[in-house]
Amino acid sequence: MTAMQQIADWLKKLGMSEYAQRFVENRIDLSVLPDLTDQDLEKLGVLLGDRRKMLRAIRERGAVAVTAPAATVEPEPTRRDDAERRQLTVRENRLV
């Protein structure tokens, strides 16, 4: 599947297929989505309500992408609090 087909499918899923050609003409694919701003979408001629929906869908898509590989993330090492603790005294030497 081409990158442009993926963006067309994504827009279709959102019910906004009418914007697919504009995205293709501006070479906007899935890799560019996280960088899009409200102003970018406005320049493309996307209506205000649709811009809000798109930006929300982009954020949700990013959250899914970030959390998806969680199975491969290694757990943090456990922190041990049984280490020996010593009091430290700091002296200040001043030459007069």
N, C-alpha and C. Protein backbone atom coordinates (compact mmCIF):
# COMPACT_ATOMS: atom_id res chain seq x y z
N MET A 1 0.85 -1.18 0.00
CA MET A 1 0.00 0.00 0.00
C MET A 1 0.90 1.24 0.00
N THR A 2 0.59 2.18 -0.86
CA THR A 2 1.41 3.38 -0.96
C THR A 2 1.08 4.34 0.20
N ALA A 3 2.01 5.25 0.43
CA ALA A 3 1.83 6.24 1.49
C ALA A 3 0.59 7.10 1.23
N MET A 4 0.36 7.43 -0.02
CA MET A 4 -0.79 8.26 -0.36
C MET A 4 -2.09 7.48 -0.18
N GLN A 5 -2.06 6.19 -0.44
CA GLN A 5 -3.25 5.37 -0.23
C GLN A 5 -3.56 5.28 1.26
N GLN A 6 -2.50 5.20 2.08
CA GLN A 6 -2.70 5.15 3.53
C GLN A 6 -3.37 6.41 4.04
N ILE A 7 -2.95 7.58 3.53
CA ILE A 7 -3.57 8.83 3.98
C ILE A 7 -5.01 8.91 3.50
N ALA A 8 -5.26 8.43 2.28
CA ALA A 8 -6.63 8.42 1.76
C ALA A 8 -7.52 7.50 2.61
N ASP A 9 -6.98 6.35 3.00
CA ASP A 9 -7.73 5.43 3.86
C ASP A 9 -8.00 6.04 5.23
N TRP A 10 -7.00 6.75 5.78
CA TRP A 10 -7.15 7.39 7.08
C TRP A 10 -8.25 8.46 7.01
N LEU A 11 -8.22 9.28 5.96
CA LEU A 11 -9.24 10.31 5.80
C LEU A 11 -10.63 9.68 5.60
N LYS A 12 -10.70 8.58 4.87
CA LYS A 12 -11.97 7.89 4.66
C LYS A 12 -12.51 7.38 6.00
N LYS A 13 -11.62 6.84 6.83
CA LYS A 13 -12.02 6.35 8.15
C LYS A 13 -12.61 7.48 8.99
N LEU A 14 -12.08 8.70 8.82
CA LEU A 14 -12.58 9.86 9.55
C LEU A 14 -13.84 10.44 8.92
N GLY A 15 -14.22 9.92 7.75
CA GLY A 15 -15.37 10.46 7.04
C GLY A 15 -15.06 11.76 6.33
N MET A 16 -13.80 11.93 5.94
CA MET A 16 -13.37 13.18 5.30
C MET A 16 -12.62 12.92 4.00
N SER A 17 -13.13 12.00 3.22
CA SER A 17 -12.48 11.64 1.96
C SER A 17 -12.34 12.81 1.01
N GLU A 18 -13.19 13.82 1.17
CA GLU A 18 -13.15 14.96 0.24
C GLU A 18 -11.82 15.71 0.30
N TYR A 19 -11.03 15.49 1.37
CA TYR A 19 -9.74 16.18 1.50
C TYR A 19 -8.56 15.36 0.95
N ALA A 20 -8.80 14.15 0.53
CA ALA A 20 -7.72 13.26 0.11
C ALA A 20 -6.87 13.87 -1.01
N GLN A 21 -7.53 14.43 -2.02
CA GLN A 21 -6.78 15.00 -3.15
C GLN A 21 -5.88 16.15 -2.70
N ARG A 22 -6.36 16.97 -1.79
CA ARG A 22 -5.55 18.08 -1.28
C ARG A 22 -4.31 17.57 -0.56
N PHE A 23 -4.48 16.50 0.21
CA PHE A 23 -3.34 15.92 0.92
C PHE A 23 -2.34 15.35 -0.08
N VAL A 24 -2.82 14.67 -1.10
CA VAL A 24 -1.94 14.09 -2.13
C VAL A 24 -1.19 15.20 -2.86
N GLU A 25 -1.91 16.26 -3.25
CA GLU A 25 -1.28 17.37 -3.98
C GLU A 25 -0.18 18.04 -3.16
N ASN A 26 -0.31 18.00 -1.84
CA ASN A 26 0.68 18.64 -0.96
C ASN A 26 1.65 17.63 -0.36
N ARG A 27 1.62 16.41 -0.88
CA ARG A 27 2.53 15.33 -0.44
C ARG A 27 2.48 15.09 1.07
N ILE A 28 1.29 15.13 1.62
CA ILE A 28 1.11 14.87 3.05
C ILE A 28 0.77 13.39 3.20
N ASP A 29 1.66 12.68 3.87
CA ASP A 29 1.40 11.27 4.14
C ASP A 29 1.36 11.06 5.66
N LEU A 30 1.26 9.81 6.09
CA LEU A 30 1.13 9.53 7.52
C LEU A 30 2.33 10.00 8.33
N SER A 31 3.50 10.04 7.71
CA SER A 31 4.69 10.47 8.45
C SER A 31 4.67 11.97 8.76
N VAL A 32 3.89 12.73 7.99
CA VAL A 32 3.82 14.17 8.17
C VAL A 32 2.70 14.57 9.13
N LEU A 33 1.73 13.70 9.32
CA LEU A 33 0.57 14.04 10.15
C LEU A 33 0.92 14.67 11.49
N PRO A 34 1.84 14.09 12.27
CA PRO A 34 2.11 14.67 13.59
C PRO A 34 2.63 16.11 13.55
N ASP A 35 3.14 16.53 12.40
CA ASP A 35 3.70 17.88 12.27
C ASP A 35 2.66 18.92 11.85
N LEU A 36 1.50 18.47 11.43
CA LEU A 36 0.49 19.40 10.93
C LEU A 36 -0.09 20.25 12.05
N THR A 37 -0.30 21.51 11.74
CA THR A 37 -0.91 22.44 12.68
C THR A 37 -2.28 22.85 12.16
N ASP A 38 -3.02 23.54 13.01
CA ASP A 38 -4.32 24.06 12.60
C ASP A 38 -4.15 24.99 11.40
N GLN A 39 -3.09 25.80 11.41
CA GLN A 39 -2.85 26.73 10.29
C GLN A 39 -2.57 25.97 9.00
N ASP A 40 -1.81 24.87 9.10
CA ASP A 40 -1.53 24.06 7.91
C ASP A 40 -2.83 23.54 7.30
N LEU A 41 -3.69 22.99 8.16
CA LEU A 41 -4.94 22.44 7.67
C LEU A 41 -5.84 23.53 7.10
N GLU A 42 -5.80 24.70 7.70
CA GLU A 42 -6.59 25.83 7.18
C GLU A 42 -6.11 26.20 5.78
N LYS A 43 -4.78 26.22 5.59
CA LYS A 43 -4.21 26.54 4.26
C LYS A 43 -4.64 25.51 3.22
N LEU A 44 -4.86 24.28 3.68
CA LEU A 44 -5.32 23.23 2.75
C LEU A 44 -6.81 23.35 2.45
N GLY A 45 -7.49 24.26 3.14
CA GLY A 45 -8.91 24.45 2.91
C GLY A 45 -9.80 23.53 3.74
N VAL A 46 -9.27 23.00 4.82
CA VAL A 46 -10.06 22.13 5.68
C VAL A 46 -10.91 23.01 6.59
N LEU A 47 -12.21 22.70 6.65
CA LEU A 47 -13.14 23.48 7.47
C LEU A 47 -12.80 23.36 8.95
N LEU A 48 -13.19 24.36 9.73
CA LEU A 48 -12.83 24.44 11.14
C LEU A 48 -13.20 23.18 11.92
N GLY A 49 -14.42 22.74 11.83
CA GLY A 49 -14.84 21.54 12.57
C GLY A 49 -14.04 20.32 12.15
N ASP A 50 -13.80 20.20 10.87
CA ASP A 50 -13.01 19.06 10.37
C ASP A 50 -11.56 19.17 10.83
N ARG A 51 -11.03 20.40 10.91
CA ARG A 51 -9.66 20.58 11.41
C ARG A 51 -9.55 20.07 12.83
N ARG A 52 -10.52 20.43 13.65
CA ARG A 52 -10.50 19.98 15.05
C ARG A 52 -10.55 18.46 15.14
N LYS A 53 -11.41 17.86 14.34
CA LYS A 53 -11.54 16.39 14.34
C LYS A 53 -10.23 15.74 13.87
N MET A 54 -9.64 16.32 12.83
CA MET A 54 -8.38 15.76 12.32
C MET A 54 -7.27 15.86 13.35
N LEU A 55 -7.15 17.03 13.97
CA LEU A 55 -6.09 17.22 14.97
C LEU A 55 -6.28 16.27 16.15
N ARG A 56 -7.52 16.04 16.56
CA ARG A 56 -7.79 15.09 17.64
C ARG A 56 -7.40 13.68 17.20
N ALA A 57 -7.77 13.31 15.97
CA ALA A 57 -7.44 11.98 15.45
C ALA A 57 -5.93 11.81 15.33
N ILE A 58 -5.23 12.86 14.95
CA ILE A 58 -3.76 12.81 14.85
C ILE A 58 -3.15 12.58 16.23
N ARG A 59 -3.66 13.30 17.24
CA ARG A 59 -3.15 13.11 18.61
C ARG A 59 -3.42 11.69 19.08
N GLU A 60 -4.62 11.19 18.85
CA GLU A 60 -4.96 9.83 19.26
C GLU A 60 -4.12 8.80 18.53
N ARG A 61 -3.87 9.06 17.26
CA ARG A 61 -3.03 8.14 16.47
C ARG A 61 -1.61 8.11 17.03
N GLY A 62 -1.11 9.28 17.44
CA GLY A 62 0.23 9.36 18.03
C GLY A 62 0.30 8.63 19.35
N ALA A 63 -0.75 8.74 20.16
CA ALA A 63 -0.78 8.06 21.45
C ALA A 63 -0.77 6.55 21.27
N VAL A 64 -1.48 6.07 20.26
CA VAL A 64 -1.50 4.64 19.99
C VAL A 64 -0.13 4.18 19.53
N ALA A 65 0.51 4.98 18.67
CA ALA A 65 1.83 4.60 18.16
C ALA A 65 2.86 4.55 19.27
N VAL A 66 2.74 5.45 20.23
CA VAL A 66 3.72 5.51 21.31
C VAL A 66 3.54 4.35 22.27
N THR A 67 2.28 3.98 22.55
CA THR A 67 2.04 2.93 23.53
C THR A 67 2.07 1.54 22.93
N ALA A 68 1.98 1.41 21.62
CA ALA A 68 1.91 0.10 21.00
C ALA A 68 3.11 -0.80 21.30
N PRO A 69 4.36 -0.31 21.22
CA PRO A 69 5.48 -1.22 21.44
C PRO A 69 5.81 -1.45 22.92
N ALA A 70 4.86 -1.29 23.79
CA ALA A 70 5.12 -1.41 25.23
C ALA A 70 5.68 -2.77 25.61
N ALA A 71 5.35 -3.79 24.86
CA ALA A 71 5.82 -5.14 25.20
C ALA A 71 7.34 -5.24 25.05
N THR A 72 7.93 -4.41 24.22
CA THR A 72 9.36 -4.49 24.00
C THR A 72 10.15 -3.60 24.95
N VAL A 73 9.46 -2.78 25.72
CA VAL A 73 10.14 -1.88 26.64
C VAL A 73 10.62 -2.67 27.86
N GLU A 74 11.87 -2.50 28.20
CA GLU A 74 12.41 -3.21 29.35
C GLU A 74 11.98 -2.52 30.63
N PRO A 75 11.66 -3.28 31.67
CA PRO A 75 11.26 -2.65 32.91
C PRO A 75 12.43 -1.92 33.56
N GLU A 76 12.08 -0.88 34.31
CA GLU A 76 13.12 -0.13 35.01
C GLU A 76 13.68 -1.00 36.13
N PRO A 77 14.96 -0.84 36.42
CA PRO A 77 15.53 -1.61 37.52
C PRO A 77 14.86 -1.21 38.84
N THR A 78 14.70 -2.18 39.70
CA THR A 78 14.08 -1.87 40.99
C THR A 78 15.05 -1.08 41.84
N ARG A 79 14.51 -0.14 42.55
CA ARG A 79 15.34 0.73 43.38
C ARG A 79 15.41 0.14 44.79
N ARG A 80 16.59 0.08 45.30
CA ARG A 80 16.77 -0.46 46.65
C ARG A 80 17.02 0.68 47.61
N ASP A 81 16.29 0.66 48.70
CA ASP A 81 16.46 1.70 49.72
C ASP A 81 17.20 1.17 50.94
N ASP A 82 17.83 0.01 50.82
CA ASP A 82 18.52 -0.55 51.98
C ASP A 82 20.02 -0.21 51.98
N ALA A 83 20.39 0.76 51.17
CA ALA A 83 21.80 1.16 51.12
C ALA A 83 22.18 1.89 52.41
N GLU A 84 23.43 1.79 52.78
CA GLU A 84 23.92 2.46 53.98
C GLU A 84 23.94 3.97 53.74
N ARG A 85 23.46 4.71 54.70
CA ARG A 85 23.43 6.16 54.59
C ARG A 85 24.31 6.74 55.69
N ARG A 86 25.08 7.75 55.31
CA ARG A 86 25.96 8.41 56.27
C ARG A 86 25.73 9.89 56.23
N GLN A 87 25.86 10.52 57.39
CA GLN A 87 25.71 11.96 57.47
C GLN A 87 26.99 12.61 56.96
N LEU A 88 26.84 13.69 56.25
CA LEU A 88 27.97 14.39 55.67
C LEU A 88 28.02 15.79 56.26
N THR A 89 29.19 16.18 56.72
CA THR A 89 29.37 17.53 57.25
C THR A 89 30.24 18.30 56.28
N VAL A 90 29.80 19.50 55.92
CA VAL A 90 30.55 20.32 54.99
C VAL A 90 31.10 21.50 55.76
N ARG A 91 32.39 21.71 55.64
CA ARG A 91 33.04 22.84 56.30
C ARG A 91 33.44 23.85 55.25
N GLU A 92 33.31 25.09 55.65
CA GLU A 92 33.67 26.16 54.73
C GLU A 92 34.94 26.82 55.25
N ASN A 93 35.95 26.86 54.44
CA ASN A 93 37.21 27.51 54.81
C ASN A 93 37.26 28.87 54.15
N ARG A 94 37.48 29.88 54.96
CA ARG A 94 37.60 31.23 54.43
C ARG A 94 38.94 31.80 54.80
N LEU A 95 39.56 32.37 53.83
CA LEU A 95 40.80 33.08 54.10
C LEU A 95 40.49 34.55 54.29
N VAL A 96 41.02 35.10 55.38
CA VAL A 96 40.72 36.51 55.69
C VAL A 96 41.91 37.37 55.39
